[in-house]
Amino acid sequence: MTKTSLKPRRVLIADDNEKVLSLLVELLEQEGYEILRAQDGGTALKLALANELDVVVSDVVMPVLDGI
């Protein structure tokens, strides 16, 4: 992300593995991204529908609803 951006880009990360999720959140927050996180596909879908997102990073195999 460039320093001239007016607002941080919003990213949804969905992964049921807490270690992977935390690592991705930490790395992207350090770069200035605004992060939404979900540990299952159902929560990810709700967040995706309720927020304007720039990108979604999703695991495929998750509880409740798959990442596809």
Foldseek 3Di string as FASTA:
>chain_A
DDPPDPAAAEEEEEALPVVVQVVVVVVVVVVPHHYDYYNFPVVSVVVPVVDDHPYYHYQQDGPPHGPD
